[in-house]
N, C-alpha and C. Protein backbone atom coordinates (compact mmCIF):
# COMPACT_ATOMS: atom_id res chain seq x y z
N MET A 1 -32.21 -21.65 -27.46
CA MET A 1 -31.06 -21.06 -26.78
C MET A 1 -31.28 -19.59 -26.48
N ALA A 2 -32.09 -18.89 -27.31
CA ALA A 2 -32.31 -17.44 -27.11
C ALA A 2 -32.92 -17.13 -25.77
N PRO A 3 -33.99 -17.86 -25.32
CA PRO A 3 -34.58 -17.57 -24.00
C PRO A 3 -33.59 -17.73 -22.87
N VAL A 4 -32.69 -18.73 -22.95
CA VAL A 4 -31.68 -18.94 -21.90
C VAL A 4 -30.78 -17.73 -21.79
N LYS A 5 -30.36 -17.21 -22.93
CA LYS A 5 -29.49 -16.02 -22.93
C LYS A 5 -30.22 -14.83 -22.33
N LYS A 6 -31.52 -14.70 -22.66
CA LYS A 6 -32.30 -13.58 -22.13
C LYS A 6 -32.40 -13.67 -20.61
N ASP A 7 -32.64 -14.90 -20.09
CA ASP A 7 -32.72 -15.07 -18.64
C ASP A 7 -31.41 -14.72 -17.97
N ALA A 8 -30.30 -15.14 -18.61
CA ALA A 8 -28.98 -14.86 -18.03
C ALA A 8 -28.71 -13.37 -18.00
N ASP A 9 -29.11 -12.67 -19.08
CA ASP A 9 -28.90 -11.22 -19.13
C ASP A 9 -29.71 -10.51 -18.06
N GLU A 10 -30.97 -11.01 -17.82
CA GLU A 10 -31.81 -10.38 -16.82
C GLU A 10 -31.22 -10.55 -15.42
N LYS A 11 -30.66 -11.74 -15.15
CA LYS A 11 -30.02 -11.96 -13.85
C LYS A 11 -28.80 -11.07 -13.69
N LYS A 12 -28.04 -10.94 -14.76
CA LYS A 12 -26.82 -10.15 -14.70
C LYS A 12 -27.12 -8.68 -14.45
N GLU A 13 -28.26 -8.18 -15.01
CA GLU A 13 -28.58 -6.77 -14.91
C GLU A 13 -29.45 -6.45 -13.69
N ALA A 14 -29.80 -7.45 -12.89
CA ALA A 14 -30.64 -7.20 -11.72
C ALA A 14 -29.96 -6.23 -10.77
N LYS A 15 -30.70 -5.22 -10.34
CA LYS A 15 -30.14 -4.20 -9.46
C LYS A 15 -30.23 -4.64 -8.00
N LEU A 16 -29.22 -4.25 -7.24
CA LEU A 16 -29.20 -4.58 -5.82
C LEU A 16 -29.94 -3.50 -5.04
N THR A 17 -30.55 -3.90 -3.94
CA THR A 17 -31.15 -2.92 -3.04
C THR A 17 -30.03 -2.23 -2.27
N PRO A 18 -30.31 -1.07 -1.65
CA PRO A 18 -29.28 -0.40 -0.84
C PRO A 18 -28.71 -1.31 0.25
N GLU A 19 -29.60 -2.11 0.88
CA GLU A 19 -29.12 -3.02 1.93
C GLU A 19 -28.20 -4.09 1.35
N GLN A 20 -28.57 -4.63 0.18
CA GLN A 20 -27.73 -5.64 -0.46
C GLN A 20 -26.38 -5.04 -0.89
N SER A 21 -26.42 -3.82 -1.40
CA SER A 21 -25.18 -3.15 -1.82
C SER A 21 -24.26 -2.91 -0.63
N ALA A 22 -24.84 -2.46 0.50
CA ALA A 22 -24.04 -2.21 1.70
C ALA A 22 -23.41 -3.51 2.20
N ALA A 23 -24.21 -4.60 2.20
CA ALA A 23 -23.69 -5.90 2.66
C ALA A 23 -22.58 -6.38 1.73
N LEU A 24 -22.74 -6.18 0.43
CA LEU A 24 -21.73 -6.61 -0.53
C LEU A 24 -20.42 -5.85 -0.34
N VAL A 25 -20.52 -4.52 -0.16
CA VAL A 25 -19.32 -3.70 0.04
C VAL A 25 -18.61 -4.07 1.34
N LEU A 26 -19.38 -4.24 2.42
CA LEU A 26 -18.78 -4.58 3.71
C LEU A 26 -18.13 -5.95 3.66
N ASP A 27 -18.78 -6.91 3.01
CA ASP A 27 -18.20 -8.25 2.89
C ASP A 27 -16.92 -8.22 2.08
N TYR A 28 -16.87 -7.37 1.03
CA TYR A 28 -15.66 -7.26 0.21
C TYR A 28 -14.50 -6.70 1.03
N LEU A 29 -14.78 -5.65 1.83
CA LEU A 29 -13.72 -5.07 2.66
C LEU A 29 -13.20 -6.08 3.67
N ARG A 30 -14.10 -6.87 4.25
CA ARG A 30 -13.67 -7.86 5.25
C ARG A 30 -12.81 -8.94 4.62
N LYS A 31 -13.21 -9.38 3.42
CA LYS A 31 -12.45 -10.45 2.77
C LYS A 31 -11.07 -9.97 2.32
N GLN A 32 -10.99 -8.75 1.78
CA GLN A 32 -9.72 -8.24 1.27
C GLN A 32 -8.81 -7.75 2.39
N ASN A 33 -9.41 -7.22 3.47
CA ASN A 33 -8.66 -6.76 4.64
C ASN A 33 -7.55 -5.78 4.28
N ARG A 34 -7.88 -4.77 3.45
CA ARG A 34 -6.94 -3.74 3.08
C ARG A 34 -7.73 -2.50 2.65
N PRO A 35 -7.10 -1.33 2.64
CA PRO A 35 -7.85 -0.10 2.32
C PRO A 35 -8.22 -0.02 0.83
N TYR A 36 -9.42 0.49 0.57
CA TYR A 36 -9.89 0.72 -0.80
C TYR A 36 -10.70 2.02 -0.85
N SER A 37 -10.64 2.69 -1.99
CA SER A 37 -11.48 3.87 -2.22
C SER A 37 -12.80 3.41 -2.83
N ALA A 38 -13.76 4.34 -2.89
CA ALA A 38 -15.05 4.00 -3.49
C ALA A 38 -14.88 3.59 -4.95
N THR A 39 -13.98 4.28 -5.66
CA THR A 39 -13.74 3.95 -7.08
C THR A 39 -13.18 2.54 -7.22
N ASP A 40 -12.21 2.19 -6.36
CA ASP A 40 -11.61 0.85 -6.42
C ASP A 40 -12.65 -0.23 -6.16
N ILE A 41 -13.47 0.00 -5.13
CA ILE A 41 -14.47 -1.01 -4.77
C ILE A 41 -15.48 -1.19 -5.90
N SER A 42 -15.95 -0.09 -6.48
CA SER A 42 -16.92 -0.18 -7.58
C SER A 42 -16.31 -0.94 -8.77
N THR A 43 -15.05 -0.63 -9.09
CA THR A 43 -14.38 -1.30 -10.21
C THR A 43 -14.18 -2.78 -9.93
N ASN A 44 -13.69 -3.10 -8.72
CA ASN A 44 -13.41 -4.50 -8.38
C ASN A 44 -14.67 -5.34 -8.28
N LEU A 45 -15.79 -4.70 -7.97
CA LEU A 45 -17.07 -5.41 -7.94
C LEU A 45 -17.76 -5.39 -9.29
N LYS A 46 -17.02 -4.96 -10.32
CA LYS A 46 -17.52 -4.94 -11.70
C LYS A 46 -18.79 -4.09 -11.83
N ASN A 47 -18.77 -2.95 -11.10
CA ASN A 47 -19.86 -1.96 -11.17
C ASN A 47 -21.21 -2.50 -10.71
N ARG A 48 -21.20 -3.60 -9.94
CA ARG A 48 -22.47 -4.04 -9.35
C ARG A 48 -22.97 -2.98 -8.38
N VAL A 49 -22.01 -2.23 -7.81
CA VAL A 49 -22.34 -1.05 -7.00
C VAL A 49 -21.65 0.12 -7.67
N THR A 50 -22.39 1.15 -8.04
CA THR A 50 -21.79 2.28 -8.75
C THR A 50 -20.84 3.05 -7.84
N LYS A 51 -19.97 3.85 -8.47
CA LYS A 51 -19.02 4.65 -7.71
C LYS A 51 -19.74 5.58 -6.73
N ALA A 52 -20.80 6.26 -7.20
CA ALA A 52 -21.53 7.19 -6.35
C ALA A 52 -22.19 6.46 -5.18
N ALA A 53 -22.80 5.30 -5.48
CA ALA A 53 -23.46 4.53 -4.42
C ALA A 53 -22.44 4.02 -3.42
N ALA A 54 -21.29 3.54 -3.92
CA ALA A 54 -20.23 3.05 -3.03
C ALA A 54 -19.73 4.16 -2.12
N ALA A 55 -19.54 5.36 -2.68
CA ALA A 55 -19.05 6.48 -1.88
C ALA A 55 -20.03 6.81 -0.76
N LYS A 56 -21.34 6.82 -1.06
CA LYS A 56 -22.35 7.13 -0.04
C LYS A 56 -22.42 6.02 1.01
N LEU A 57 -22.40 4.77 0.57
CA LEU A 57 -22.48 3.65 1.51
C LEU A 57 -21.27 3.63 2.45
N LEU A 58 -20.09 3.86 1.90
CA LEU A 58 -18.86 3.86 2.72
C LEU A 58 -18.89 5.01 3.72
N LYS A 59 -19.36 6.18 3.28
CA LYS A 59 -19.45 7.33 4.18
C LYS A 59 -20.42 7.04 5.32
N ASP A 60 -21.58 6.45 4.99
CA ASP A 60 -22.57 6.13 6.02
C ASP A 60 -22.03 5.10 7.01
N MET A 61 -21.39 4.05 6.50
CA MET A 61 -20.83 3.02 7.38
C MET A 61 -19.74 3.58 8.27
N HIS A 62 -18.95 4.53 7.71
CA HIS A 62 -17.88 5.15 8.50
C HIS A 62 -18.49 5.99 9.62
N GLU A 63 -19.55 6.71 9.32
CA GLU A 63 -20.21 7.53 10.35
C GLU A 63 -20.84 6.65 11.43
N ARG A 64 -21.28 5.46 11.06
CA ARG A 64 -21.84 4.53 12.05
C ARG A 64 -20.75 3.73 12.76
N LYS A 65 -19.49 4.04 12.43
CA LYS A 65 -18.32 3.38 13.04
C LYS A 65 -18.30 1.88 12.77
N GLU A 66 -18.83 1.49 11.61
CA GLU A 66 -18.76 0.08 11.20
C GLU A 66 -17.45 -0.21 10.48
N ILE A 67 -16.85 0.82 9.88
CA ILE A 67 -15.55 0.69 9.22
C ILE A 67 -14.71 1.91 9.56
N GLU A 68 -13.43 1.87 9.19
CA GLU A 68 -12.54 2.99 9.41
C GLU A 68 -12.23 3.65 8.06
N GLY A 69 -11.95 4.95 8.09
CA GLY A 69 -11.61 5.67 6.87
C GLY A 69 -10.55 6.71 7.15
N ARG A 70 -9.74 7.02 6.14
CA ARG A 70 -8.69 8.04 6.28
C ARG A 70 -8.37 8.59 4.90
N ALA A 71 -7.82 9.81 4.92
CA ALA A 71 -7.43 10.46 3.67
C ALA A 71 -6.15 9.83 3.14
N ALA A 72 -6.12 9.62 1.82
CA ALA A 72 -4.92 9.09 1.15
C ALA A 72 -4.74 9.92 -0.12
N GLY A 73 -3.96 10.99 -0.01
CA GLY A 73 -3.83 11.89 -1.14
C GLY A 73 -5.10 12.69 -1.32
N LYS A 74 -5.69 12.65 -2.52
CA LYS A 74 -6.90 13.40 -2.81
C LYS A 74 -8.18 12.58 -2.65
N GLN A 75 -8.07 11.37 -2.12
CA GLN A 75 -9.25 10.55 -1.94
C GLN A 75 -9.28 9.96 -0.54
N ILE A 76 -10.39 9.33 -0.20
CA ILE A 76 -10.55 8.68 1.10
C ILE A 76 -10.61 7.17 0.88
N VAL A 77 -9.82 6.45 1.67
CA VAL A 77 -9.83 4.99 1.59
C VAL A 77 -10.44 4.44 2.88
N TYR A 78 -11.11 3.31 2.75
CA TYR A 78 -11.80 2.69 3.88
C TYR A 78 -11.31 1.26 4.08
N HIS A 79 -11.38 0.81 5.33
CA HIS A 79 -11.01 -0.58 5.63
C HIS A 79 -11.76 -1.01 6.88
N THR A 80 -11.76 -2.31 7.13
CA THR A 80 -12.46 -2.83 8.30
C THR A 80 -11.73 -2.40 9.57
N ILE A 81 -12.46 -2.38 10.67
CA ILE A 81 -11.87 -2.00 11.96
C ILE A 81 -10.93 -3.11 12.39
N GLN A 82 -9.68 -2.71 12.67
CA GLN A 82 -8.66 -3.69 13.05
C GLN A 82 -8.70 -3.98 14.55
N GLU A 83 -8.38 -5.21 14.90
CA GLU A 83 -8.28 -5.57 16.31
C GLU A 83 -7.06 -4.89 16.93
N GLU A 84 -7.16 -4.61 18.22
CA GLU A 84 -6.03 -4.00 18.92
C GLU A 84 -4.88 -4.99 18.97
N ALA A 85 -3.72 -4.53 18.56
CA ALA A 85 -2.53 -5.41 18.61
C ALA A 85 -1.97 -5.45 20.02
N ASP A 86 -1.39 -6.60 20.41
CA ASP A 86 -0.78 -6.69 21.74
C ASP A 86 0.57 -5.99 21.75
N GLU A 87 1.22 -5.95 22.90
CA GLU A 87 2.48 -5.22 23.05
C GLU A 87 3.55 -5.77 22.13
N SER A 88 3.60 -7.10 21.98
CA SER A 88 4.63 -7.69 21.12
C SER A 88 4.42 -7.26 19.68
N GLY A 89 3.14 -7.28 19.22
CA GLY A 89 2.85 -6.86 17.86
C GLY A 89 3.17 -5.39 17.66
N LEU A 90 2.86 -4.56 18.66
CA LEU A 90 3.14 -3.13 18.54
C LEU A 90 4.65 -2.88 18.44
N GLU A 91 5.42 -3.64 19.19
CA GLU A 91 6.88 -3.46 19.14
C GLU A 91 7.41 -3.78 17.75
N VAL A 92 6.88 -4.85 17.14
CA VAL A 92 7.31 -5.22 15.79
C VAL A 92 6.93 -4.13 14.80
N LEU A 93 5.70 -3.60 14.93
CA LEU A 93 5.25 -2.55 14.02
C LEU A 93 6.08 -1.28 14.19
N GLN A 94 6.45 -0.95 15.42
CA GLN A 94 7.28 0.23 15.65
C GLN A 94 8.65 0.07 15.00
N GLN A 95 9.21 -1.13 15.09
CA GLN A 95 10.50 -1.39 14.45
C GLN A 95 10.37 -1.25 12.93
N MET A 96 9.30 -1.78 12.38
CA MET A 96 9.09 -1.66 10.95
C MET A 96 8.91 -0.21 10.53
N ASP A 97 8.15 0.54 11.35
CA ASP A 97 7.90 1.95 11.04
C ASP A 97 9.20 2.73 11.03
N ALA A 98 10.07 2.46 12.02
CA ALA A 98 11.36 3.16 12.08
C ALA A 98 12.23 2.81 10.89
N GLU A 99 12.23 1.53 10.49
CA GLU A 99 13.03 1.09 9.35
C GLU A 99 12.54 1.72 8.06
N ILE A 100 11.21 1.77 7.88
CA ILE A 100 10.65 2.35 6.67
C ILE A 100 10.91 3.85 6.62
N THR A 101 10.83 4.52 7.77
CA THR A 101 11.13 5.96 7.80
C THR A 101 12.57 6.21 7.39
N ARG A 102 13.49 5.39 7.89
CA ARG A 102 14.90 5.55 7.53
C ARG A 102 15.12 5.30 6.04
N LEU A 103 14.48 4.26 5.52
CA LEU A 103 14.63 3.96 4.10
C LEU A 103 14.03 5.07 3.23
N ARG A 104 12.91 5.63 3.70
CA ARG A 104 12.30 6.72 2.94
C ARG A 104 13.24 7.94 2.89
N GLU A 105 13.88 8.26 4.02
CA GLU A 105 14.80 9.38 4.05
C GLU A 105 16.01 9.13 3.16
N GLU A 106 16.51 7.90 3.18
CA GLU A 106 17.64 7.56 2.31
C GLU A 106 17.25 7.66 0.84
N THR A 107 16.03 7.21 0.53
CA THR A 107 15.55 7.26 -0.85
C THR A 107 15.48 8.70 -1.35
N LEU A 108 14.93 9.59 -0.52
CA LEU A 108 14.82 11.00 -0.91
C LEU A 108 16.20 11.63 -1.09
N ALA A 109 17.13 11.27 -0.19
CA ALA A 109 18.48 11.82 -0.30
C ALA A 109 19.18 11.33 -1.56
N LEU A 110 19.01 10.05 -1.87
CA LEU A 110 19.62 9.49 -3.07
C LEU A 110 19.02 10.09 -4.34
N LYS A 111 17.72 10.33 -4.31
CA LYS A 111 17.09 10.93 -5.48
C LYS A 111 17.57 12.36 -5.69
N ALA A 112 17.79 13.09 -4.59
CA ALA A 112 18.31 14.45 -4.70
C ALA A 112 19.72 14.43 -5.28
N GLU A 113 20.52 13.47 -4.82
CA GLU A 113 21.88 13.35 -5.33
C GLU A 113 21.87 12.96 -6.81
N GLU A 114 20.98 12.04 -7.16
CA GLU A 114 20.87 11.63 -8.56
C GLU A 114 20.45 12.81 -9.44
N LYS A 115 19.52 13.62 -8.94
CA LYS A 115 19.05 14.78 -9.70
C LYS A 115 20.20 15.76 -9.96
N GLU A 116 21.04 15.97 -8.95
CA GLU A 116 22.18 16.87 -9.10
C GLU A 116 23.17 16.33 -10.14
N LEU A 117 23.41 15.01 -10.08
CA LEU A 117 24.34 14.41 -11.03
C LEU A 117 23.81 14.51 -12.47
N ARG A 118 22.52 14.27 -12.64
CA ARG A 118 21.94 14.35 -13.98
C ARG A 118 22.00 15.79 -14.50
N ALA A 119 21.76 16.76 -13.60
CA ALA A 119 21.83 18.16 -14.01
C ALA A 119 23.24 18.52 -14.45
N SER A 120 24.23 18.02 -13.72
CA SER A 120 25.62 18.29 -14.07
C SER A 120 25.97 17.70 -15.42
N LEU A 121 25.46 16.49 -15.67
CA LEU A 121 25.75 15.85 -16.96
C LEU A 121 25.08 16.61 -18.11
N ARG A 122 23.85 17.06 -17.89
CA ARG A 122 23.14 17.80 -18.94
C ARG A 122 23.85 19.12 -19.27
N GLU A 123 24.38 19.74 -18.25
CA GLU A 123 25.06 21.02 -18.47
C GLU A 123 26.45 20.84 -19.07
N GLY A 124 26.88 19.59 -19.15
CA GLY A 124 28.19 19.32 -19.73
C GLY A 124 29.34 19.83 -18.88
N THR A 125 29.13 19.88 -17.58
CA THR A 125 30.19 20.39 -16.70
C THR A 125 31.40 19.46 -16.69
N SER A 126 32.55 20.06 -16.55
CA SER A 126 33.81 19.29 -16.49
C SER A 126 34.42 19.36 -15.10
N GLN A 127 33.64 19.88 -14.13
CA GLN A 127 34.18 20.04 -12.78
C GLN A 127 34.26 18.71 -12.04
N ILE A 128 33.40 17.77 -12.40
CA ILE A 128 33.42 16.47 -11.73
C ILE A 128 34.15 15.46 -12.60
N PRO A 129 35.23 14.89 -12.12
CA PRO A 129 35.98 13.91 -12.92
C PRO A 129 35.11 12.69 -13.24
N LEU A 130 35.39 12.08 -14.38
CA LEU A 130 34.62 10.91 -14.79
C LEU A 130 34.74 9.78 -13.76
N SER A 131 35.93 9.63 -13.19
CA SER A 131 36.12 8.56 -12.20
C SER A 131 35.24 8.76 -10.97
N GLU A 132 35.06 10.03 -10.58
CA GLU A 132 34.21 10.33 -9.42
C GLU A 132 32.74 10.06 -9.74
N LEU A 133 32.33 10.40 -10.98
CA LEU A 133 30.97 10.12 -11.39
C LEU A 133 30.69 8.61 -11.39
N LYS A 134 31.65 7.83 -11.89
CA LYS A 134 31.48 6.38 -11.92
C LYS A 134 31.38 5.82 -10.50
N ALA A 135 32.21 6.38 -9.60
CA ALA A 135 32.18 5.91 -8.21
C ALA A 135 30.84 6.25 -7.56
N SER A 136 30.31 7.45 -7.85
CA SER A 136 29.02 7.86 -7.28
C SER A 136 27.89 6.98 -7.81
N CYS A 137 27.96 6.68 -9.11
CA CYS A 137 26.93 5.81 -9.71
C CYS A 137 26.97 4.41 -9.10
N ALA A 138 28.19 3.91 -8.88
CA ALA A 138 28.34 2.59 -8.29
C ALA A 138 27.78 2.58 -6.86
N SER A 139 28.05 3.68 -6.12
CA SER A 139 27.54 3.79 -4.76
C SER A 139 26.02 3.85 -4.75
N LEU A 140 25.45 4.60 -5.69
CA LEU A 140 23.99 4.69 -5.79
C LEU A 140 23.37 3.33 -6.09
N GLU A 141 23.98 2.59 -7.00
CA GLU A 141 23.47 1.27 -7.35
C GLU A 141 23.51 0.32 -6.15
N GLN A 142 24.61 0.40 -5.38
CA GLN A 142 24.74 -0.46 -4.21
C GLN A 142 23.69 -0.12 -3.16
N ASN A 143 23.50 1.20 -2.92
CA ASN A 143 22.50 1.63 -1.95
C ASN A 143 21.09 1.23 -2.39
N LYS A 144 20.84 1.36 -3.70
CA LYS A 144 19.53 0.99 -4.22
C LYS A 144 19.29 -0.51 -4.02
N SER A 145 20.32 -1.31 -4.28
CA SER A 145 20.18 -2.76 -4.11
C SER A 145 19.90 -3.13 -2.66
N GLU A 146 20.61 -2.44 -1.75
CA GLU A 146 20.40 -2.71 -0.33
C GLU A 146 18.99 -2.33 0.11
N MET A 147 18.52 -1.16 -0.35
CA MET A 147 17.18 -0.73 0.03
C MET A 147 16.12 -1.65 -0.58
N THR A 148 16.34 -2.08 -1.82
CA THR A 148 15.40 -2.99 -2.45
C THR A 148 15.31 -4.30 -1.68
N ALA A 149 16.46 -4.79 -1.22
CA ALA A 149 16.48 -6.04 -0.45
C ALA A 149 15.75 -5.86 0.88
N ARG A 150 15.97 -4.70 1.53
CA ARG A 150 15.31 -4.47 2.81
C ARG A 150 13.81 -4.32 2.65
N LEU A 151 13.40 -3.58 1.62
CA LEU A 151 11.97 -3.41 1.38
C LEU A 151 11.32 -4.74 1.00
N SER A 152 12.04 -5.56 0.23
CA SER A 152 11.52 -6.88 -0.13
C SER A 152 11.35 -7.75 1.11
N LYS A 153 12.31 -7.60 2.03
CA LYS A 153 12.24 -8.35 3.28
C LYS A 153 11.02 -7.95 4.09
N LEU A 154 10.76 -6.64 4.13
CA LEU A 154 9.59 -6.15 4.87
C LEU A 154 8.30 -6.62 4.22
N SER A 155 8.21 -6.44 2.88
CA SER A 155 6.98 -6.81 2.19
C SER A 155 6.78 -8.31 2.18
N GLY A 156 7.85 -9.07 2.30
CA GLY A 156 7.72 -10.53 2.30
C GLY A 156 7.42 -11.11 3.66
N GLY A 157 7.43 -10.27 4.72
CA GLY A 157 7.11 -10.74 6.06
C GLY A 157 8.27 -11.31 6.83
N ASP A 158 9.52 -11.18 6.31
CA ASP A 158 10.68 -11.72 7.02
C ASP A 158 11.17 -10.74 8.08
N VAL A 159 10.34 -10.44 9.05
CA VAL A 159 10.71 -9.54 10.12
C VAL A 159 11.18 -10.36 11.32
N LYS A 160 11.71 -9.67 12.28
CA LYS A 160 12.21 -10.36 13.46
C LYS A 160 11.08 -11.08 14.17
N PRO A 161 11.17 -12.41 14.34
CA PRO A 161 10.06 -13.16 14.93
C PRO A 161 9.92 -12.93 16.43
N ILE A 162 8.73 -13.16 16.94
CA ILE A 162 8.50 -13.08 18.38
C ILE A 162 9.07 -14.33 19.02
N SER A 163 9.73 -14.17 20.15
CA SER A 163 10.38 -15.31 20.80
C SER A 163 9.34 -16.35 21.22
N ALA A 164 9.84 -17.58 21.39
CA ALA A 164 8.95 -18.69 21.73
C ALA A 164 8.29 -18.50 23.09
N ASP A 165 8.98 -17.82 24.01
CA ASP A 165 8.42 -17.59 25.35
C ASP A 165 7.20 -16.68 25.30
N GLU A 166 7.07 -15.86 24.25
CA GLU A 166 5.96 -14.92 24.16
C GLU A 166 4.75 -15.53 23.46
N ARG A 167 4.87 -16.73 23.03
CA ARG A 167 3.77 -17.39 22.33
C ARG A 167 3.23 -18.54 23.18
N ASN A 168 1.96 -18.53 23.40
CA ASN A 168 1.33 -19.61 24.16
C ASN A 168 0.74 -20.66 23.25
N LYS A 169 0.23 -20.21 22.13
CA LYS A 169 -0.39 -21.14 21.19
C LYS A 169 -0.01 -20.77 19.76
N ILE A 170 0.11 -21.77 18.91
CA ILE A 170 0.43 -21.51 17.50
C ILE A 170 -0.68 -20.71 16.83
N SER A 171 -1.91 -20.97 17.18
CA SER A 171 -3.02 -20.24 16.57
C SER A 171 -2.98 -18.76 16.94
N LEU A 172 -2.59 -18.45 18.18
CA LEU A 172 -2.48 -17.06 18.61
C LEU A 172 -1.37 -16.35 17.84
N ASP A 173 -0.25 -17.06 17.63
CA ASP A 173 0.86 -16.49 16.87
C ASP A 173 0.43 -16.19 15.44
N HIS A 174 -0.37 -17.08 14.87
CA HIS A 174 -0.84 -16.88 13.50
C HIS A 174 -1.69 -15.62 13.39
N ARG A 175 -2.56 -15.41 14.35
CA ARG A 175 -3.42 -14.22 14.34
C ARG A 175 -2.59 -12.95 14.48
N LYS A 176 -1.54 -12.99 15.29
CA LYS A 176 -0.67 -11.82 15.46
C LYS A 176 -0.04 -11.42 14.14
N TRP A 177 0.47 -12.40 13.41
CA TRP A 177 1.14 -12.08 12.15
C TRP A 177 0.16 -11.64 11.07
N GLN A 178 -1.07 -12.12 11.16
CA GLN A 178 -2.08 -11.62 10.23
C GLN A 178 -2.32 -10.14 10.45
N ARG A 179 -2.41 -9.72 11.71
CA ARG A 179 -2.60 -8.30 12.00
C ARG A 179 -1.38 -7.49 11.57
N ALA A 180 -0.16 -8.03 11.79
CA ALA A 180 1.04 -7.33 11.38
C ALA A 180 1.11 -7.16 9.87
N ALA A 181 0.69 -8.22 9.14
CA ALA A 181 0.71 -8.14 7.67
C ALA A 181 -0.26 -7.07 7.17
N SER A 182 -1.43 -6.99 7.81
CA SER A 182 -2.41 -5.96 7.42
C SER A 182 -1.86 -4.57 7.67
N ALA A 183 -1.17 -4.41 8.82
CA ALA A 183 -0.60 -3.10 9.14
C ALA A 183 0.51 -2.74 8.16
N ARG A 184 1.31 -3.72 7.73
CA ARG A 184 2.39 -3.44 6.78
C ARG A 184 1.84 -2.94 5.45
N LYS A 185 0.71 -3.52 5.03
CA LYS A 185 0.10 -3.05 3.78
C LYS A 185 -0.30 -1.59 3.90
N LYS A 186 -0.85 -1.22 5.07
CA LYS A 186 -1.25 0.17 5.28
C LYS A 186 -0.02 1.08 5.28
N ILE A 187 1.06 0.61 5.91
CA ILE A 187 2.28 1.42 5.97
C ILE A 187 2.86 1.63 4.58
N ARG A 188 2.87 0.55 3.74
CA ARG A 188 3.40 0.69 2.39
C ARG A 188 2.59 1.71 1.60
N ALA A 189 1.25 1.65 1.77
CA ALA A 189 0.40 2.59 1.05
C ALA A 189 0.66 4.02 1.50
N GLU A 190 0.83 4.22 2.83
CA GLU A 190 1.10 5.56 3.34
C GLU A 190 2.48 6.04 2.89
N LEU A 191 3.45 5.11 2.87
CA LEU A 191 4.78 5.46 2.41
C LEU A 191 4.75 5.92 0.96
N TRP A 192 4.00 5.19 0.12
CA TRP A 192 3.94 5.60 -1.29
C TRP A 192 3.27 6.95 -1.43
N ASN A 193 2.23 7.22 -0.63
CA ASN A 193 1.57 8.52 -0.71
C ASN A 193 2.54 9.66 -0.40
N MET A 194 3.41 9.44 0.61
CA MET A 194 4.39 10.46 0.96
C MET A 194 5.45 10.62 -0.13
N ILE A 195 5.88 9.50 -0.70
CA ILE A 195 6.89 9.57 -1.77
C ILE A 195 6.29 10.22 -3.01
N ALA A 196 5.02 9.86 -3.32
CA ALA A 196 4.38 10.38 -4.52
C ALA A 196 4.27 11.90 -4.50
N ASP A 197 4.13 12.47 -3.28
CA ASP A 197 4.05 13.93 -3.18
C ASP A 197 5.36 14.60 -3.56
N GLN A 198 6.47 13.84 -3.52
CA GLN A 198 7.78 14.40 -3.82
C GLN A 198 8.24 14.11 -5.25
N VAL A 199 7.47 13.32 -5.97
CA VAL A 199 7.89 12.87 -7.30
C VAL A 199 6.84 13.28 -8.34
N GLU A 200 7.30 13.65 -9.52
CA GLU A 200 6.37 13.99 -10.59
C GLU A 200 5.53 12.77 -10.96
N LYS A 201 4.26 13.02 -11.32
CA LYS A 201 3.35 11.91 -11.60
C LYS A 201 3.85 11.04 -12.75
N SER A 202 4.52 11.67 -13.72
CA SER A 202 5.02 10.92 -14.87
C SER A 202 6.12 9.92 -14.49
N LYS A 203 6.70 10.10 -13.29
CA LYS A 203 7.80 9.22 -12.86
C LYS A 203 7.37 8.27 -11.76
N TRP A 204 6.05 8.17 -11.50
CA TRP A 204 5.59 7.29 -10.42
C TRP A 204 5.98 5.83 -10.65
N GLN A 205 5.71 5.33 -11.87
CA GLN A 205 6.00 3.92 -12.13
C GLN A 205 7.49 3.65 -12.05
N GLU A 206 8.26 4.59 -12.60
CA GLU A 206 9.72 4.43 -12.55
C GLU A 206 10.20 4.40 -11.10
N THR A 207 9.61 5.27 -10.26
CA THR A 207 10.00 5.32 -8.85
C THR A 207 9.62 4.04 -8.13
N LYS A 208 8.43 3.51 -8.44
CA LYS A 208 8.01 2.24 -7.82
C LYS A 208 8.99 1.13 -8.17
N ASP A 209 9.40 1.10 -9.45
CA ASP A 209 10.34 0.06 -9.87
C ASP A 209 11.70 0.21 -9.19
N GLU A 210 12.11 1.46 -9.00
CA GLU A 210 13.43 1.71 -8.42
C GLU A 210 13.49 1.30 -6.96
N ILE A 211 12.45 1.64 -6.18
CA ILE A 211 12.50 1.34 -4.74
C ILE A 211 11.89 -0.01 -4.41
N GLY A 212 11.25 -0.64 -5.39
CA GLY A 212 10.76 -2.00 -5.17
C GLY A 212 9.52 -2.12 -4.33
N LEU A 213 8.67 -1.08 -4.29
CA LEU A 213 7.43 -1.17 -3.52
C LEU A 213 6.42 -2.05 -4.25
N GLU A 214 5.75 -2.93 -3.51
CA GLU A 214 4.75 -3.80 -4.09
C GLU A 214 3.40 -3.49 -3.48
N PHE A 215 2.33 -3.51 -4.34
CA PHE A 215 0.98 -3.20 -3.86
C PHE A 215 0.02 -4.33 -4.21
């Protein structure tokens, strides 16, 4: 049994060539169809490609225009080049973008209001009647529930469907929604990056739970 284990260990530790590493990284990005950083890719591939090697390979592929890359906070994330969406798909994405922007603004406003209420409670102020505080809390809970439901609807893909007249084939419709789903993932990631800049790092998880963002 010992020789079998030795052979298995040797196969497991076999190093990939630069070409094999590049092919592995590119294949992973195509299969996942979502943005990843060099650190994420190295971790998800169980360090078959090191973080440093992944960073160099991704940079080279981006310069050769084989993949797309963009800044996300303090790191760069990469993803496969997306197909151009048709007018119907763009209209759906624009509607989603407008809805997410509105929800983001409401979230920031509600958090500012919550912060003021918490500060008032900590200071022990008696200027705000208890009944008014209860009403404000109830309103905040209702707004949070509504936003959570809307965000869940977006993340679940329950958006306004394209009319039957705009679809020629079921297969074409399927491809359109695949592109829309990929774009929604990118929008959620960008939304979280913008929200994260406004929230202390120690409260990131709490904020994710409150607004219902899924990754």
